[in-house]
Amino acid sequence: MFKSPFNFAGRIGRSEYGISFAIYFVFYFSFMLMDENSAYAIPALLVLIPMLWFIYAQGAKRCHDIGKSGWWQLIPFYFFILLSRPGDFRENEYGESPREDERLIGKVE
C-alpha cells in the first residue's frame, strides 16, 4: 500500500483509494474549520497543495484500475464509482491488477 502515492502511473484497488480519500477528507475538513487568522493557516495552506496532488494521483490510479483515463475523476461525484466499482480482473492498458490474489490465479497448477 502507498508504494508511490504521488505518481499518476499504475493502478490501485478500492481499499487503498478509500484510505487515501479518508486521509484527504480529514485533512481538508480540518483545514476548512481553521480560522483564517490562525497561526497554522499558512502552513496548512502550503500542505494543501501536496494533498491535492496526492488525491488526484490516487484518483487517477483508481480510474486506471477500472480501465478509464484519470481525467474521469474530474466528473462530479465520480469518487462514488471509484469507491464502489471493482477493478479490472486482469491486466489492462494501465498495468497489472493491484490485487495479488488475482495475479496468482493463473499461476496455480
N, C-alpha and C. Protein backbone atom coordinates (compact mmCIF):
# COMPACT_ATOMS: atom_id res chain seq x y z
N MET A 1 0.83 -1.18 0.00
CA MET A 1 0.00 0.00 0.00
C MET A 1 0.88 1.25 0.00
N PHE A 2 0.43 2.25 -0.68
CA PHE A 2 1.11 3.54 -0.77
C PHE A 2 2.56 3.42 -1.21
N LYS A 3 2.80 2.62 -2.26
CA LYS A 3 4.16 2.48 -2.77
C LYS A 3 4.65 3.75 -3.43
N SER A 4 3.82 4.40 -4.21
CA SER A 4 4.18 5.67 -4.84
C SER A 4 2.93 6.55 -4.90
N PRO A 5 2.56 7.16 -3.77
CA PRO A 5 1.28 7.87 -3.68
C PRO A 5 1.19 9.14 -4.52
N PHE A 6 2.31 9.70 -4.95
CA PHE A 6 2.26 10.94 -5.73
C PHE A 6 2.48 10.70 -7.22
N ASN A 7 2.56 9.45 -7.62
CA ASN A 7 2.77 9.09 -9.02
C ASN A 7 1.42 8.81 -9.67
N PHE A 8 1.23 9.28 -10.89
CA PHE A 8 -0.04 9.11 -11.58
C PHE A 8 -0.11 7.81 -12.38
N ALA A 9 0.98 7.07 -12.48
CA ALA A 9 1.00 5.84 -13.28
C ALA A 9 0.67 4.63 -12.41
N GLY A 10 0.03 3.66 -13.01
CA GLY A 10 -0.26 2.41 -12.33
C GLY A 10 -1.72 2.28 -11.93
N ARG A 11 -1.96 1.32 -11.03
CA ARG A 11 -3.31 1.01 -10.59
C ARG A 11 -3.32 0.78 -9.09
N ILE A 12 -4.43 1.13 -8.45
CA ILE A 12 -4.64 0.82 -7.04
C ILE A 12 -6.05 0.28 -6.87
N GLY A 13 -6.26 -0.45 -5.80
CA GLY A 13 -7.57 -1.02 -5.52
C GLY A 13 -8.46 -0.08 -4.73
N ARG A 14 -9.68 -0.57 -4.48
CA ARG A 14 -10.66 0.24 -3.75
C ARG A 14 -10.23 0.56 -2.34
N SER A 15 -9.62 -0.39 -1.65
CA SER A 15 -9.25 -0.15 -0.25
C SER A 15 -8.19 0.95 -0.14
N GLU A 16 -7.17 0.92 -0.98
CA GLU A 16 -6.14 1.96 -0.93
C GLU A 16 -6.73 3.31 -1.30
N TYR A 17 -7.62 3.33 -2.28
CA TYR A 17 -8.26 4.60 -2.65
C TYR A 17 -9.15 5.10 -1.52
N GLY A 18 -9.88 4.20 -0.88
CA GLY A 18 -10.73 4.60 0.23
C GLY A 18 -9.94 5.18 1.39
N ILE A 19 -8.81 4.57 1.71
CA ILE A 19 -7.95 5.09 2.78
C ILE A 19 -7.38 6.44 2.38
N SER A 20 -6.96 6.56 1.13
CA SER A 20 -6.43 7.83 0.62
C SER A 20 -7.48 8.92 0.69
N PHE A 21 -8.70 8.59 0.30
CA PHE A 21 -9.78 9.56 0.32
C PHE A 21 -10.10 9.97 1.75
N ALA A 22 -10.07 9.04 2.69
CA ALA A 22 -10.34 9.35 4.09
C ALA A 22 -9.26 10.28 4.66
N ILE A 23 -8.00 10.02 4.31
CA ILE A 23 -6.90 10.89 4.76
C ILE A 23 -7.11 12.30 4.23
N TYR A 24 -7.41 12.40 2.94
CA TYR A 24 -7.63 13.71 2.34
C TYR A 24 -8.85 14.40 2.95
N PHE A 25 -9.93 13.66 3.16
CA PHE A 25 -11.16 14.19 3.71
C PHE A 25 -10.92 14.79 5.10
N VAL A 26 -10.22 14.07 5.96
CA VAL A 26 -9.92 14.55 7.31
C VAL A 26 -9.07 15.81 7.25
N PHE A 27 -8.03 15.78 6.42
CA PHE A 27 -7.17 16.96 6.31
C PHE A 27 -7.94 18.16 5.77
N TYR A 28 -8.70 17.96 4.71
CA TYR A 28 -9.42 19.06 4.08
C TYR A 28 -10.42 19.71 5.04
N PHE A 29 -11.19 18.91 5.75
CA PHE A 29 -12.18 19.50 6.64
C PHE A 29 -11.56 20.10 7.89
N SER A 30 -10.43 19.58 8.35
CA SER A 30 -9.74 20.24 9.46
C SER A 30 -9.17 21.58 8.98
N PHE A 31 -8.74 21.64 7.73
CA PHE A 31 -8.27 22.90 7.16
C PHE A 31 -9.41 23.90 7.02
N MET A 32 -10.58 23.43 6.60
CA MET A 32 -11.72 24.32 6.41
C MET A 32 -12.24 24.87 7.74
N LEU A 33 -12.05 24.13 8.82
CA LEU A 33 -12.51 24.59 10.12
C LEU A 33 -11.56 25.59 10.77
N MET A 34 -10.37 25.71 10.23
CA MET A 34 -9.36 26.59 10.78
C MET A 34 -9.75 28.06 10.57
N ASP A 35 -9.50 28.85 11.56
CA ASP A 35 -9.74 30.28 11.45
C ASP A 35 -8.67 30.88 10.54
N GLU A 36 -9.06 31.80 9.67
CA GLU A 36 -8.09 32.37 8.73
C GLU A 36 -7.02 33.20 9.42
N ASN A 37 -7.26 33.62 10.64
CA ASN A 37 -6.27 34.38 11.40
C ASN A 37 -5.38 33.48 12.25
N SER A 38 -5.60 32.19 12.19
CA SER A 38 -4.82 31.25 12.98
C SER A 38 -3.36 31.23 12.51
N ALA A 39 -2.46 30.98 13.42
CA ALA A 39 -1.04 30.89 13.08
C ALA A 39 -0.75 29.67 12.21
N TYR A 40 -1.65 28.69 12.22
CA TYR A 40 -1.45 27.47 11.45
C TYR A 40 -2.05 27.54 10.04
N ALA A 41 -2.73 28.62 9.71
CA ALA A 41 -3.43 28.72 8.42
C ALA A 41 -2.46 28.69 7.24
N ILE A 42 -1.38 29.44 7.30
CA ILE A 42 -0.42 29.49 6.19
C ILE A 42 0.29 28.15 6.02
N PRO A 43 0.83 27.54 7.08
CA PRO A 43 1.44 26.22 6.90
C PRO A 43 0.45 25.17 6.39
N ALA A 44 -0.77 25.24 6.85
CA ALA A 44 -1.79 24.28 6.39
C ALA A 44 -2.09 24.50 4.92
N LEU A 45 -2.11 25.73 4.48
CA LEU A 45 -2.34 26.03 3.07
C LEU A 45 -1.20 25.50 2.21
N LEU A 46 0.02 25.57 2.72
CA LEU A 46 1.17 25.04 1.99
C LEU A 46 1.15 23.51 1.90
N VAL A 47 0.51 22.88 2.87
CA VAL A 47 0.37 21.43 2.84
C VAL A 47 -0.79 21.01 1.94
N LEU A 48 -1.73 21.91 1.72
CA LEU A 48 -2.89 21.60 0.89
C LEU A 48 -2.49 21.26 -0.55
N ILE A 49 -1.49 21.92 -1.08
CA ILE A 49 -1.07 21.67 -2.47
C ILE A 49 -0.57 20.23 -2.65
N PRO A 50 0.34 19.73 -1.81
CA PRO A 50 0.71 18.32 -1.96
C PRO A 50 -0.44 17.36 -1.70
N MET A 51 -1.36 17.73 -0.81
CA MET A 51 -2.51 16.86 -0.56
C MET A 51 -3.42 16.78 -1.79
N LEU A 52 -3.58 17.89 -2.50
CA LEU A 52 -4.36 17.85 -3.75
C LEU A 52 -3.67 16.98 -4.79
N TRP A 53 -2.34 17.09 -4.88
CA TRP A 53 -1.58 16.25 -5.81
C TRP A 53 -1.78 14.78 -5.43
N PHE A 54 -1.71 14.49 -4.14
CA PHE A 54 -1.87 13.14 -3.62
C PHE A 54 -3.23 12.56 -4.01
N ILE A 55 -4.32 13.30 -3.77
CA ILE A 55 -5.65 12.73 -4.02
C ILE A 55 -5.92 12.60 -5.51
N TYR A 56 -5.40 13.53 -6.33
CA TYR A 56 -5.58 13.39 -7.78
C TYR A 56 -4.75 12.25 -8.34
N ALA A 57 -3.56 12.03 -7.80
CA ALA A 57 -2.73 10.90 -8.24
C ALA A 57 -3.39 9.58 -7.86
N GLN A 58 -3.90 9.49 -6.65
CA GLN A 58 -4.57 8.27 -6.22
C GLN A 58 -5.85 8.05 -7.03
N GLY A 59 -6.59 9.11 -7.31
CA GLY A 59 -7.80 9.00 -8.12
C GLY A 59 -7.50 8.56 -9.54
N ALA A 60 -6.40 9.06 -10.11
CA ALA A 60 -6.02 8.65 -11.47
C ALA A 60 -5.68 7.17 -11.49
N LYS A 61 -4.96 6.70 -10.49
CA LYS A 61 -4.61 5.27 -10.43
C LYS A 61 -5.85 4.41 -10.24
N ARG A 62 -6.80 4.90 -9.47
CA ARG A 62 -8.05 4.14 -9.28
C ARG A 62 -8.86 4.10 -10.57
N CYS A 63 -8.88 5.22 -11.31
CA CYS A 63 -9.52 5.23 -12.63
C CYS A 63 -8.85 4.23 -13.56
N HIS A 64 -7.54 4.16 -13.49
CA HIS A 64 -6.81 3.19 -14.31
C HIS A 64 -7.21 1.76 -13.96
N ASP A 65 -7.50 1.52 -12.69
CA ASP A 65 -7.87 0.17 -12.27
C ASP A 65 -9.19 -0.28 -12.88
N ILE A 66 -10.08 0.66 -13.17
CA ILE A 66 -11.35 0.28 -13.80
C ILE A 66 -11.31 0.49 -15.31
N GLY A 67 -10.10 0.75 -15.84
CA GLY A 67 -9.93 0.85 -17.29
C GLY A 67 -10.26 2.20 -17.89
N LYS A 68 -10.28 3.24 -17.09
CA LYS A 68 -10.61 4.59 -17.55
C LYS A 68 -9.39 5.50 -17.44
N SER A 69 -9.42 6.58 -18.18
CA SER A 69 -8.40 7.61 -18.06
C SER A 69 -8.55 8.32 -16.72
N GLY A 70 -7.46 8.86 -16.21
CA GLY A 70 -7.51 9.58 -14.94
C GLY A 70 -8.36 10.83 -14.99
N TRP A 71 -8.63 11.35 -16.17
CA TRP A 71 -9.46 12.54 -16.31
C TRP A 71 -10.90 12.30 -15.87
N TRP A 72 -11.34 11.07 -15.84
CA TRP A 72 -12.71 10.76 -15.44
C TRP A 72 -13.00 11.19 -14.00
N GLN A 73 -11.97 11.26 -13.17
CA GLN A 73 -12.20 11.63 -11.77
C GLN A 73 -12.66 13.08 -11.61
N LEU A 74 -12.54 13.88 -12.66
CA LEU A 74 -12.99 15.27 -12.59
C LEU A 74 -14.50 15.41 -12.71
N ILE A 75 -15.18 14.32 -13.06
CA ILE A 75 -16.64 14.33 -13.11
C ILE A 75 -17.16 14.41 -11.67
N PRO A 76 -18.09 15.35 -11.40
CA PRO A 76 -18.60 15.46 -10.02
C PRO A 76 -19.19 14.14 -9.51
N PHE A 77 -18.87 13.83 -8.30
CA PHE A 77 -19.35 12.63 -7.58
C PHE A 77 -18.87 11.32 -8.19
N TYR A 78 -17.88 11.36 -9.07
CA TYR A 78 -17.35 10.14 -9.67
C TYR A 78 -16.60 9.31 -8.63
N PHE A 79 -16.19 9.94 -7.53
CA PHE A 79 -15.49 9.19 -6.49
C PHE A 79 -16.37 8.09 -5.91
N PHE A 80 -17.69 8.24 -5.97
CA PHE A 80 -18.57 7.16 -5.51
C PHE A 80 -18.39 5.92 -6.37
N ILE A 81 -18.24 6.10 -7.66
CA ILE A 81 -17.99 4.98 -8.56
C ILE A 81 -16.62 4.38 -8.26
N LEU A 82 -15.63 5.24 -8.03
CA LEU A 82 -14.29 4.75 -7.73
C LEU A 82 -14.25 3.97 -6.42
N LEU A 83 -15.08 4.35 -5.48
CA LEU A 83 -15.12 3.64 -4.20
C LEU A 83 -15.90 2.33 -4.27
N SER A 84 -16.82 2.22 -5.21
CA SER A 84 -17.70 1.05 -5.21
C SER A 84 -17.42 0.04 -6.32
N ARG A 85 -16.95 0.45 -7.46
CA ARG A 85 -16.79 -0.47 -8.59
C ARG A 85 -15.49 -1.27 -8.46
N PRO A 86 -15.58 -2.59 -8.62
CA PRO A 86 -14.35 -3.39 -8.59
C PRO A 86 -13.49 -3.11 -9.82
N GLY A 87 -12.21 -3.30 -9.66
CA GLY A 87 -11.28 -3.07 -10.76
C GLY A 87 -11.31 -4.19 -11.78
N ASP A 88 -10.62 -3.96 -12.90
CA ASP A 88 -10.49 -4.99 -13.92
C ASP A 88 -9.78 -6.20 -13.33
N PHE A 89 -10.30 -7.37 -13.63
CA PHE A 89 -9.76 -8.61 -13.08
C PHE A 89 -8.36 -8.90 -13.61
N ARG A 90 -8.15 -8.65 -14.85
CA ARG A 90 -6.87 -8.96 -15.49
C ARG A 90 -6.09 -7.68 -15.77
N GLU A 91 -4.92 -7.87 -16.32
CA GLU A 91 -4.09 -6.74 -16.73
C GLU A 91 -4.83 -5.91 -17.78
N ASN A 92 -4.73 -4.60 -17.67
CA ASN A 92 -5.31 -3.73 -18.69
C ASN A 92 -4.20 -2.83 -19.23
N GLU A 93 -4.56 -1.83 -20.02
CA GLU A 93 -3.55 -0.98 -20.65
C GLU A 93 -2.75 -0.16 -19.65
N TYR A 94 -3.21 -0.07 -18.40
CA TYR A 94 -2.52 0.72 -17.38
C TYR A 94 -1.64 -0.13 -16.46
N GLY A 95 -1.63 -1.43 -16.63
CA GLY A 95 -0.78 -2.29 -15.82
C GLY A 95 -1.51 -3.51 -15.32
N GLU A 96 -0.82 -4.26 -14.47
CA GLU A 96 -1.44 -5.47 -13.95
C GLU A 96 -2.30 -5.15 -12.73
N SER A 97 -3.15 -6.10 -12.37
CA SER A 97 -4.09 -5.93 -11.27
C SER A 97 -3.33 -5.67 -9.97
N PRO A 98 -3.80 -4.73 -9.15
CA PRO A 98 -3.11 -4.45 -7.89
C PRO A 98 -3.37 -5.51 -6.82
N ARG A 99 -4.35 -6.38 -7.06
CA ARG A 99 -4.67 -7.41 -6.08
C ARG A 99 -3.84 -8.65 -6.34
N GLU A 100 -3.05 -9.02 -5.35
CA GLU A 100 -2.12 -10.14 -5.51
C GLU A 100 -2.85 -11.46 -5.72
N ASP A 101 -3.99 -11.66 -5.05
CA ASP A 101 -4.71 -12.93 -5.20
C ASP A 101 -5.20 -13.10 -6.63
N GLU A 102 -5.53 -12.01 -7.31
CA GLU A 102 -5.98 -12.12 -8.71
C GLU A 102 -4.81 -12.40 -9.64
N ARG A 103 -3.63 -11.89 -9.31
CA ARG A 103 -2.46 -12.12 -10.14
C ARG A 103 -1.98 -13.57 -10.03
N LEU A 104 -2.25 -14.18 -8.89
CA LEU A 104 -1.78 -15.55 -8.66
C LEU A 104 -2.70 -16.61 -9.25
N ILE A 105 -3.91 -16.26 -9.61
CA ILE A 105 -4.89 -17.25 -10.09
C ILE A 105 -4.36 -18.02 -11.28
N GLY A 106 -3.78 -17.35 -12.24
CA GLY A 106 -3.28 -18.02 -13.45
C GLY A 106 -1.99 -18.80 -13.21
N LYS A 107 -1.34 -18.61 -12.05
CA LYS A 107 -0.05 -19.27 -11.80
C LYS A 107 -0.18 -20.55 -10.98
N VAL A 108 -1.35 -20.84 -10.47
CA VAL A 108 -1.56 -22.04 -9.66
C VAL A 108 -1.72 -23.24 -10.60
N GLU A 109 -1.04 -24.33 -10.30
CA GLU A 109 -1.13 -25.53 -11.15
C GLU A 109 -2.24 -26.43 -10.74
